[in-house]
Protein backbone atom coordinates (compact mmCIF):
# COMPACT_ATOMS: atom_id res chain seq x y z
CA UNK A 1 -0.02 0.00 0.00
CA UNK A 2 2.77 2.40 0.93
CA UNK A 3 4.72 1.70 -2.26
CA UNK A 4 1.73 2.21 -4.45
CA UNK A 5 0.81 5.44 -2.70
CA UNK A 6 4.34 6.66 -3.16
CA UNK A 7 4.04 5.98 -6.87
CA UNK A 8 0.72 7.79 -7.12
CA UNK A 9 2.20 10.81 -5.46
CA UNK A 10 5.25 10.85 -7.65
CA UNK A 11 3.05 10.93 -10.78
CA UNK A 12 0.49 13.37 -9.35
CA UNK A 13 2.97 15.97 -8.10
CA UNK A 14 6.70 15.68 -7.80
CA UNK A 15 6.87 18.54 -5.31
CA UNK A 16 4.36 16.95 -3.01
CA UNK A 17 6.10 13.64 -3.30
CA UNK A 18 9.41 15.29 -2.40
CA UNK A 19 7.86 16.96 0.66
CA UNK A 20 6.45 13.65 1.82
CA UNK A 21 9.93 12.03 1.60
CA UNK A 22 11.46 14.88 3.66
CA UNK A 23 8.86 14.84 6.41
CA UNK A 24 9.07 11.01 6.60
CA UNK A 25 12.71 11.30 7.82
CA UNK A 26 13.09 10.90 11.64
CA UNK A 27 14.31 14.41 12.19
CA UNK A 28 11.26 15.89 10.39
CA UNK A 29 8.43 13.70 11.56
CA UNK A 30 7.47 16.29 14.19
CA UNK A 31 6.21 18.58 11.41
CA UNK A 32 3.33 16.36 10.05
CA UNK A 33 2.57 15.41 13.65
CA UNK A 34 2.17 19.02 14.57
CA UNK A 35 0.01 19.64 11.45
CA UNK A 36 -2.23 16.75 12.44
CA UNK A 37 -2.73 18.14 15.94
CA UNK A 38 -3.45 21.58 14.57
CA UNK A 39 -5.97 20.26 12.04
CA UNK A 40 -7.90 18.17 14.60
CA UNK A 41 -7.11 15.35 17.03
CA UNK A 42 -7.51 11.81 15.77
CA UNK A 43 -7.93 12.56 12.07
CA UNK A 44 -5.19 10.27 10.77
CA UNK A 45 -6.27 7.48 13.03
CA UNK A 46 -9.82 7.86 11.91
CA UNK A 47 -8.78 7.40 8.32
CA UNK A 48 -6.85 4.30 9.27
CA UNK A 49 -9.69 2.64 11.18
CA UNK A 50 -12.28 3.71 8.56
CA UNK A 51 -10.26 1.93 5.84
CA UNK A 52 -9.56 -1.11 8.13
CA UNK A 53 -13.32 -1.57 8.81
CA UNK A 54 -14.27 -1.20 5.20
CA UNK A 55 -11.67 -3.71 4.13
CA UNK A 56 -12.77 -6.13 6.78
CA UNK A 57 -16.44 -5.70 5.57
CA UNK A 58 -15.40 -6.44 2.00
CA UNK A 59 -13.56 -9.58 3.07
CA UNK A 60 -16.60 -10.73 5.00
CA UNK A 61 -18.79 -10.20 1.90
CA UNK A 62 -16.35 -12.08 -0.23
CA UNK A 63 -16.35 -14.98 2.18
CA UNK A 64 -20.18 -14.97 2.06
CA UNK A 65 -20.19 -15.34 -1.73
CA UNK A 66 -20.01 -11.82 -3.21
CA UNK A 67 -18.55 -12.01 -6.68
CA UNK A 68 -18.45 -8.35 -7.73
CA UNK A 69 -16.82 -5.33 -5.88
CA UNK A 70 -17.53 -1.82 -7.26
CA UNK A 71 -15.76 1.16 -5.80
CA UNK A 72 -17.20 4.64 -6.61
CA UNK A 73 -14.77 7.57 -6.43
CA UNK A 74 -11.86 5.31 -5.61
CA UNK A 75 -9.21 7.94 -5.90
CA UNK A 76 -5.76 6.60 -4.88
CA UNK A 77 -7.20 3.88 -2.66
CA UNK A 78 -5.50 0.50 -3.20
CA UNK A 79 -8.21 -1.84 -1.98
CA UNK A 80 -9.25 -3.47 -5.30
CA UNK A 81 -5.69 -3.57 -6.54
CA UNK A 82 -4.54 -5.46 -3.45
CA UNK A 83 -7.47 -7.88 -3.46
CA UNK A 84 -7.98 -8.73 -7.13
CA UNK A 85 -4.97 -11.10 -7.41
CA UNK A 86 -6.03 -13.00 -4.31
CA UNK A 87 -9.60 -13.44 -5.61
CA UNK A 88 -9.30 -14.27 -9.34
CA UNK A 89 -12.96 -15.43 -9.51
CA UNK A 90 -14.23 -12.06 -8.30
CA UNK A 91 -14.71 -9.07 -10.63
CA UNK A 92 -13.39 -5.75 -9.29
CA UNK A 93 -14.41 -2.41 -10.74
CA UNK A 94 -13.42 1.19 -10.00
CA UNK A 95 -15.35 4.23 -11.25
CA UNK A 96 -13.43 7.50 -10.93
CA UNK A 97 -12.75 10.75 -12.60
CA UNK A 98 -10.53 10.22 -15.75
CA UNK A 99 -7.77 12.53 -14.67
CA UNK A 100 -7.23 10.81 -11.28
CA UNK A 101 -7.65 7.36 -12.78
CA UNK A 102 -5.05 8.10 -15.39
CA UNK A 103 -2.45 8.74 -12.81
CA UNK A 104 -3.39 5.62 -10.89
CA UNK A 105 -3.34 3.32 -13.88
CA UNK A 106 0.00 4.65 -14.97
CA UNK A 107 1.48 4.03 -11.51
CA UNK A 108 0.04 0.50 -11.18
CA UNK A 109 0.98 -0.69 -14.68
CA UNK A 110 -0.74 -3.85 -15.91
CA UNK A 111 -3.34 -5.56 -13.74
CA UNK A 112 -5.10 -8.93 -14.08
CA UNK A 113 -8.30 -9.09 -16.19
CA UNK A 114 -10.60 -9.15 -13.18
CA UNK A 115 -9.74 -5.57 -12.22
CA UNK A 116 -11.42 -3.03 -14.44
CA UNK A 117 -11.02 0.76 -14.36
CA UNK A 118 -14.04 2.79 -15.64
CA UNK A 119 -13.21 6.48 -16.20
CA UNK A 120 -16.27 8.57 -15.71
CA UNK A 121 -17.27 12.02 -14.45
CA UNK A 122 -20.46 11.36 -12.43
CA UNK A 123 -21.32 15.07 -12.56
CA UNK A 124 -21.72 14.64 -16.30
CA UNK A 125 -23.15 11.07 -16.51
CA UNK A 126 -25.52 9.15 -14.31
CA UNK A 127 -24.40 5.98 -12.63
CA UNK A 128 -26.89 3.96 -14.65
CA UNK A 129 -25.35 5.34 -17.87
CA UNK A 130 -21.83 4.33 -16.64
CA UNK A 131 -22.88 0.88 -15.54
CA UNK A 132 -24.60 0.26 -18.89
CA UNK A 133 -21.25 0.55 -20.70
CA UNK A 134 -19.27 -1.20 -17.96
CA UNK A 135 -17.99 -4.36 -19.65
CA UNK A 136 -18.29 -7.37 -17.43
CA UNK A 137 -20.58 -5.91 -14.80
CA UNK A 138 -23.66 -8.09 -14.17
CA UNK A 139 -26.71 -6.94 -12.21
CA UNK A 140 -27.75 -10.55 -11.30
CA UNK A 141 -24.57 -11.29 -9.33
CA UNK A 142 -24.11 -10.58 -5.64
CA UNK A 143 -22.27 -7.22 -5.47
CA UNK A 144 -20.80 -4.89 -2.90
CA UNK A 145 -20.61 -1.18 -3.58
CA UNK A 146 -18.01 0.92 -1.72
CA UNK A 147 -18.65 4.67 -1.50
CA UNK A 148 -15.99 5.97 0.85
CA UNK A 149 -15.25 9.59 1.48
CA UNK A 150 -17.46 10.73 -1.36
CA UNK A 151 -21.04 11.53 -0.21
CA UNK A 152 -20.07 14.47 2.04
CA UNK A 153 -18.86 16.36 -1.06
CA UNK A 154 -22.34 15.98 -2.70
CA UNK A 155 -25.49 17.89 -1.69
CA UNK A 156 -28.48 16.18 -0.35
CA UNK A 157 -30.26 15.93 -3.77
CA UNK A 158 -27.15 14.45 -5.33
CA UNK A 159 -26.80 11.88 -2.58
CA UNK A 160 -30.46 10.93 -3.00
CA UNK A 161 -30.06 10.60 -6.77
CA UNK A 162 -26.97 8.47 -6.48
CA UNK A 163 -28.66 5.88 -4.24
CA UNK A 164 -31.68 5.91 -6.55
CA UNK A 165 -29.30 4.92 -9.41
CA UNK A 166 -27.77 1.89 -7.64
CA UNK A 167 -28.86 -1.41 -9.22
CA UNK A 168 -30.78 -2.52 -6.10
CA UNK A 169 -30.02 -6.17 -6.71
CA UNK A 170 -31.55 -8.41 -4.01
CA UNK A 171 -27.98 -9.59 -3.22
CA UNK A 172 -26.40 -6.12 -3.00
CA UNK A 173 -24.41 -4.60 -0.09
CA UNK A 174 -23.50 -0.95 0.11
CA UNK A 175 -20.63 0.35 2.37
CA UNK A 176 -20.55 4.07 2.54
CA UNK A 177 -19.30 6.86 4.81
CA UNK A 178 -21.14 10.04 5.71
CA UNK A 179 -20.71 13.03 7.92
CA UNK A 180 -22.93 12.98 11.06
CA UNK A 181 -24.76 16.26 11.56
CA UNK A 182 -23.58 18.07 14.75
CA UNK A 183 -26.11 18.86 17.42
CA UNK A 184 -26.07 22.59 16.31
CA UNK A 185 -26.79 21.57 12.72
CA UNK A 186 -23.31 22.08 11.38
CA UNK A 187 -21.43 19.61 9.16
CA UNK A 188 -17.84 18.64 9.83
CA UNK A 189 -15.58 16.66 12.18
CA UNK A 190 -16.77 17.37 15.68
CA UNK A 191 -13.26 18.07 17.07
CA UNK A 192 -12.05 19.96 13.94
CA UNK A 193 -10.16 23.13 14.30
CA UNK A 194 -10.34 26.41 12.41
CA UNK A 195 -7.32 25.33 10.45
CA UNK A 196 -8.92 22.12 9.10
CA UNK A 197 -11.91 24.12 7.91
CA UNK A 198 -9.57 26.50 6.11
CA UNK A 199 -7.70 23.68 4.51
CA UNK A 200 -10.94 22.19 3.11
CA UNK A 201 -11.83 25.57 1.69
CA UNK A 202 -8.38 25.94 0.20
CA UNK A 203 -8.63 22.50 -1.43
CA UNK A 204 -12.13 23.44 -2.66
CA UNK A 205 -13.59 20.38 -0.88
CA UNK A 206 -16.19 21.82 1.51
CA UNK A 207 -18.55 19.35 3.09
CA UNK A 208 -22.02 19.73 1.47
CA UNK A 209 -24.11 17.18 3.22
CA UNK A 210 -24.53 15.25 6.37
CA UNK A 211 -27.02 12.94 8.10
CA UNK A 212 -28.52 12.95 11.54
CA UNK A 213 -28.09 9.49 13.01
CA UNK A 214 -31.82 8.97 13.13
CA UNK A 215 -32.28 9.91 9.44
CA UNK A 216 -29.97 7.22 8.01
CA UNK A 217 -32.26 4.20 8.40
CA UNK A 218 -35.42 5.83 6.81
CA UNK A 219 -33.30 7.21 4.04
CA UNK A 220 -31.99 3.79 3.21
CA UNK A 221 -35.45 2.25 3.61
CA UNK A 222 -36.83 4.65 1.04
CA UNK A 223 -34.22 3.36 -1.44
CA UNK A 224 -34.74 -0.32 -0.72
CA UNK A 225 -31.96 -1.00 1.75
CA UNK A 226 -31.83 -2.26 5.33
CA UNK A 227 -29.23 -0.80 7.60
CA UNK A 228 -27.01 -3.42 9.15
CA UNK A 229 -24.12 -1.59 10.84
CA UNK A 230 -23.37 2.00 11.93
CA UNK A 231 -19.70 2.31 12.69
CA UNK A 232 -19.06 5.41 14.68
CA UNK A 233 -15.88 6.51 16.58
CA UNK A 234 -16.63 4.18 19.52
CA UNK A 235 -17.46 1.21 17.25
CA UNK A 236 -14.32 1.72 15.08
CA UNK A 237 -12.14 2.08 18.19
CA UNK A 238 -13.41 -1.19 19.63
CA UNK A 239 -13.49 -3.11 16.41
CA UNK A 240 -10.25 -1.92 14.70
CA UNK A 241 -7.76 -0.93 17.34
CA UNK A 242 -5.68 -3.47 19.39
CA UNK A 243 -6.47 -3.52 23.13
CA UNK A 244 -3.46 -1.42 24.27
CA UNK A 245 -4.50 1.44 22.03
CA UNK A 246 -8.25 1.48 22.59
CA UNK A 247 -8.04 3.74 25.64
CA UNK A 248 -4.85 5.53 24.83
CA UNK A 249 -6.02 7.31 21.78
CA UNK A 250 -9.25 8.05 19.90
CA UNK A 251 -10.16 8.47 16.25
CA UNK A 252 -11.81 11.80 15.17
CA UNK A 253 -15.59 12.01 15.69
CA UNK A 254 -17.99 13.15 12.96
CA UNK A 255 -17.79 10.68 10.08
CA UNK A 256 -19.56 7.36 10.34
CA UNK A 257 -19.43 4.25 8.16
CA UNK A 258 -22.54 2.35 7.35
CA UNK A 259 -23.26 -1.05 5.88
CA UNK A 260 -26.63 -1.74 4.32
CA UNK A 261 -28.19 -4.62 2.36
CA UNK A 262 -30.69 -4.46 -0.42
CA UNK A 263 -34.12 -5.84 0.43
CA UNK A 264 -35.78 -5.48 -3.00
CA UNK A 265 -34.98 -7.36 -6.21
CA UNK A 266 -34.38 -5.69 -9.54
CA UNK A 267 -34.82 -7.09 -13.00
CA UNK A 268 -31.46 -8.48 -14.28
């Protein structure tokens, strides 16, 4: 994972890759640690346990017979790339923006035939249109969709439209992350600092949507899914951290990961 991420950075931005190498040296590690503290406590740990839980959930689905894994907005995540060689009978797909995906494919080189990259801008095409031209994708097979770190950048109407466009197979699982609305109605990490909000604005990645905990289940039911798991900070800490670390440190609060299963069949 580290080697692949380094290759992605090198092709995306040589200057950023050079900075990462510098601050990875022992004498400079205090700098990213300071930046993490200023941005918000527990953010890096949150991203680690979020990915760990999602990967564990995908492994469980594969063990239960899932034969297709589709990642929406994969970015530079390495999940499908790491799993596809170990599961040659499973079809893995990634849908992502062409510019990001070009960098990723260039860095990874050749992959086995069961890993397919589908370049698509979902702001210009619907998911149904993309799936219709996705070679090898079958609606009648048990499938898991992973939508990690994507929905918070969509507004409420766009999130609703995306779930309406999912295939809704009777054997479909969706793993997705959302921001949990704060008690005062704001959207963001609950322990975030002013600096982290400024960074998101600088990156032009403001959070545009969130869910109250009580609204998730009825939202999914309206789209034909049953909520199975809500993984918040406490759940992720207990599930994904070894015992010595569970009480010594805490992931950031504010983003939760949900697992849902389809309860209605669709026509193949």
